[in-house]
Protein backbone atom coordinates (compact mmCIF):
# COMPACT_ATOMS: atom_id res chain seq x y z
CA MET A 1 47.48 72.79 89.18
CA TRP A 2 46.60 72.87 92.93
CA LEU A 3 44.90 70.12 94.31
CA ASP A 4 43.81 69.38 97.73
CA ALA A 5 45.68 66.48 99.16
CA LYS A 6 42.73 64.10 99.71
CA ASP A 7 42.08 64.27 96.09
CA ILE A 8 45.50 62.49 95.05
CA LYS A 9 45.13 59.02 95.30
CA VAL A 10 48.12 57.27 96.92
CA LYS A 11 48.71 53.33 95.93
CA LYS A 12 51.13 50.92 96.97
CA ARG A 13 54.46 52.63 97.20
CA PHE A 14 57.88 51.14 97.21
CA ARG A 15 59.43 53.61 99.57
CA LYS A 16 58.23 52.28 102.95
CA ASN A 17 59.29 54.89 105.37
CA LEU A 18 57.95 58.32 104.20
CA THR A 19 58.43 59.81 107.63
CA HIS A 20 62.35 59.91 107.84
CA GLY A 21 63.32 63.51 107.38
CA ILE A 22 59.77 64.57 107.08
CA ASN A 23 59.87 67.29 109.53
CA GLU A 24 62.99 69.06 107.58
CA LEU A 25 60.88 68.69 104.44
CA ARG A 26 57.71 70.28 106.32
CA TYR A 27 59.73 73.11 107.45
CA SER A 28 61.20 73.79 104.11
CA ILE A 29 57.87 73.77 102.53
CA GLN A 30 56.64 75.91 105.40
CA GLU A 31 59.67 78.47 104.87
CA LEU A 32 60.08 78.33 100.90
CA GLY A 33 56.87 76.93 99.84
CA GLN A 34 56.76 73.72 97.69
CA LEU A 35 59.35 74.11 95.14
CA GLN A 36 59.05 70.87 93.16
CA PRO A 37 55.66 69.68 92.12
CA VAL A 38 54.24 66.32 92.90
CA ILE A 39 53.51 64.31 89.54
CA ILE A 40 50.47 62.69 89.10
CA ASP A 41 49.16 60.87 86.00
CA THR A 42 45.66 61.57 84.20
CA ASN A 43 43.61 59.64 86.97
CA ARG A 44 45.10 61.76 89.63
CA ASN A 45 47.23 58.66 91.00
CA LEU A 46 50.40 59.61 92.56
CA ILE A 47 53.62 58.97 90.69
CA LEU A 48 56.42 60.85 92.32
CA GLY A 49 56.63 63.04 95.26
CA ALA A 50 55.08 60.85 98.20
CA ARG A 51 57.07 62.81 100.74
CA ARG A 52 56.08 66.32 99.44
CA HIS A 53 52.49 65.13 99.51
CA LEU A 54 52.72 63.84 102.83
CA ALA A 55 54.38 67.01 104.03
CA CYS A 56 51.60 69.29 102.53
CA THR A 57 48.98 67.09 103.89
CA LEU A 58 50.53 67.45 107.45
CA LEU A 59 50.65 71.43 106.94
CA GLU A 60 47.03 71.16 105.83
CA ARG A 61 48.09 72.83 102.44
CA GLU A 62 47.21 72.30 98.81
CA VAL A 63 49.51 70.31 96.75
CA TRP A 64 51.40 71.89 93.64
CA CYS A 65 50.94 68.90 91.05
CA GLU A 66 51.87 68.46 87.54
CA GLU A 67 49.98 65.99 85.46
CA VAL A 68 51.85 63.72 83.12
CA ASP A 69 50.58 61.74 80.20
CA GLY A 70 52.11 58.53 79.29
CA LEU A 71 52.54 57.43 82.86
CA ASP A 72 49.31 55.44 83.15
CA GLU A 73 51.08 52.02 82.59
CA LEU A 74 52.35 50.24 85.70
CA SER A 75 55.61 49.61 84.39
CA ALA A 76 56.26 53.39 83.46
CA ARG A 77 54.99 54.39 87.04
CA ILE A 78 57.48 51.88 88.53
CA LYS A 79 60.28 52.87 86.40
CA ALA A 80 59.56 56.72 87.39
CA GLU A 81 59.36 55.93 91.14
CA GLN A 82 62.71 54.16 90.98
CA GLN A 83 64.31 56.76 89.02
CA GLU A 84 63.06 59.41 91.19
CA ASN A 85 64.76 57.91 94.12
CA THR A 86 67.87 56.68 92.97
CA CYS A 87 68.84 59.18 90.05
CA ARG A 88 70.56 61.84 92.40
CA LEU A 89 73.70 62.72 93.42
CA PRO A 90 74.26 63.91 97.07
CA PHE A 91 76.84 66.44 97.87
CA THR A 92 80.25 65.61 98.65
CA PRO A 93 81.53 66.19 101.91
CA SER A 94 83.31 69.34 100.58
CA GLU A 95 80.12 70.60 98.80
CA ALA A 96 78.17 70.09 101.81
CA VAL A 97 80.55 72.16 103.90
CA ALA A 98 80.82 74.68 101.32
CA ILE A 99 76.82 75.23 101.04
CA GLY A 100 76.74 74.94 105.01
CA LYS A 101 79.27 77.81 105.43
CA ALA A 102 77.03 80.00 103.11
CA ILE A 103 74.09 78.94 104.92
CA LEU A 104 76.11 79.79 108.28
CA ALA A 105 77.16 83.29 106.78
CA ALA A 106 73.40 84.09 106.13
CA GLU A 107 71.97 82.70 109.31
CA LYS A 108 74.75 84.69 111.43
CA PRO A 109 72.87 88.18 111.26
CA LYS A 110 69.67 86.44 112.39
CA ALA A 111 71.72 84.84 115.30
CA ARG A 112 73.15 88.19 116.03
CA GLU A 113 69.69 89.56 116.24
CA ARG A 114 68.51 86.97 118.69
CA MET A 115 71.43 87.46 120.84
CA ASN A 116 71.10 91.16 121.11
CA LYS A 117 67.54 90.96 121.87
CA GLY A 118 68.49 88.95 125.19
CA ALA A 119 72.13 89.87 125.95
CA LYS A 120 73.66 93.21 127.53
CA GLN A 121 76.68 93.10 125.19
CA PRO A 122 76.85 92.36 121.35
CA PRO A 123 78.41 88.97 120.50
CA ASP A 124 81.83 88.79 119.35
CA GLU A 125 82.15 89.61 115.60
CA SER A 126 85.43 87.39 115.34
CA SER A 127 83.57 84.08 116.33
CA GLU A 128 83.43 81.61 113.39
CA GLY A 129 79.79 81.09 114.60
CA SER A 130 77.97 79.71 117.52
CA GLY A 131 74.89 78.51 118.88
CA GLU A 132 71.97 78.28 116.72
CA ALA A 133 73.41 79.41 113.56
CA VAL A 134 75.70 76.53 113.33
CA THR A 135 73.50 73.92 114.38
CA ILE A 136 70.93 75.19 111.60
CA ALA A 137 73.69 75.25 108.95
CA ALA A 138 74.81 71.59 110.28
CA SER A 139 71.35 70.26 109.99
CA VAL A 140 70.48 71.71 106.57
CA VAL A 141 73.78 69.72 105.18
CA GLY A 142 72.84 66.51 106.92
CA MET A 143 75.71 66.74 109.23
CA GLY A 144 75.66 66.99 113.22
CA ARG A 145 77.26 70.08 114.45
CA GLN A 146 80.22 68.41 115.53
CA LYS A 147 80.91 66.82 112.32
CA PHE A 148 80.17 70.18 110.44
CA GLU A 149 82.63 71.95 112.59
CA HIS A 150 85.14 69.45 112.04
CA ALA A 151 84.80 69.29 108.45
């Protein structure tokens, strides 16, 4: 179901810093849409997805929600919030570099287009990547440009 963000009740959260990385999340939702729902209980209390909720609020978009029975009890809500924030596995450095290279390959044609619009000569096809495309790839995988290029 899709709800207006203000119709979702946000009570005490354990994660205090919801804004870390919020611009990246807003950009992702703006570019690709909200790929994962916010989880609410039957009373429309937010259970999971506080950052997705905040990003949609900032974008002034409706929020994709899934209502889940069985999370009305406080202990179940607390466990659900804890598990959403700890039961993940980040990419290993080699996995991050591999997906970064794939992103770079996808971004290079766009970078060439941008450069060709303002340049008299086409960019050197042999270059491994430069400019905005490398910065985008590095940022997406959570690395600085220099660390990504070194990896």
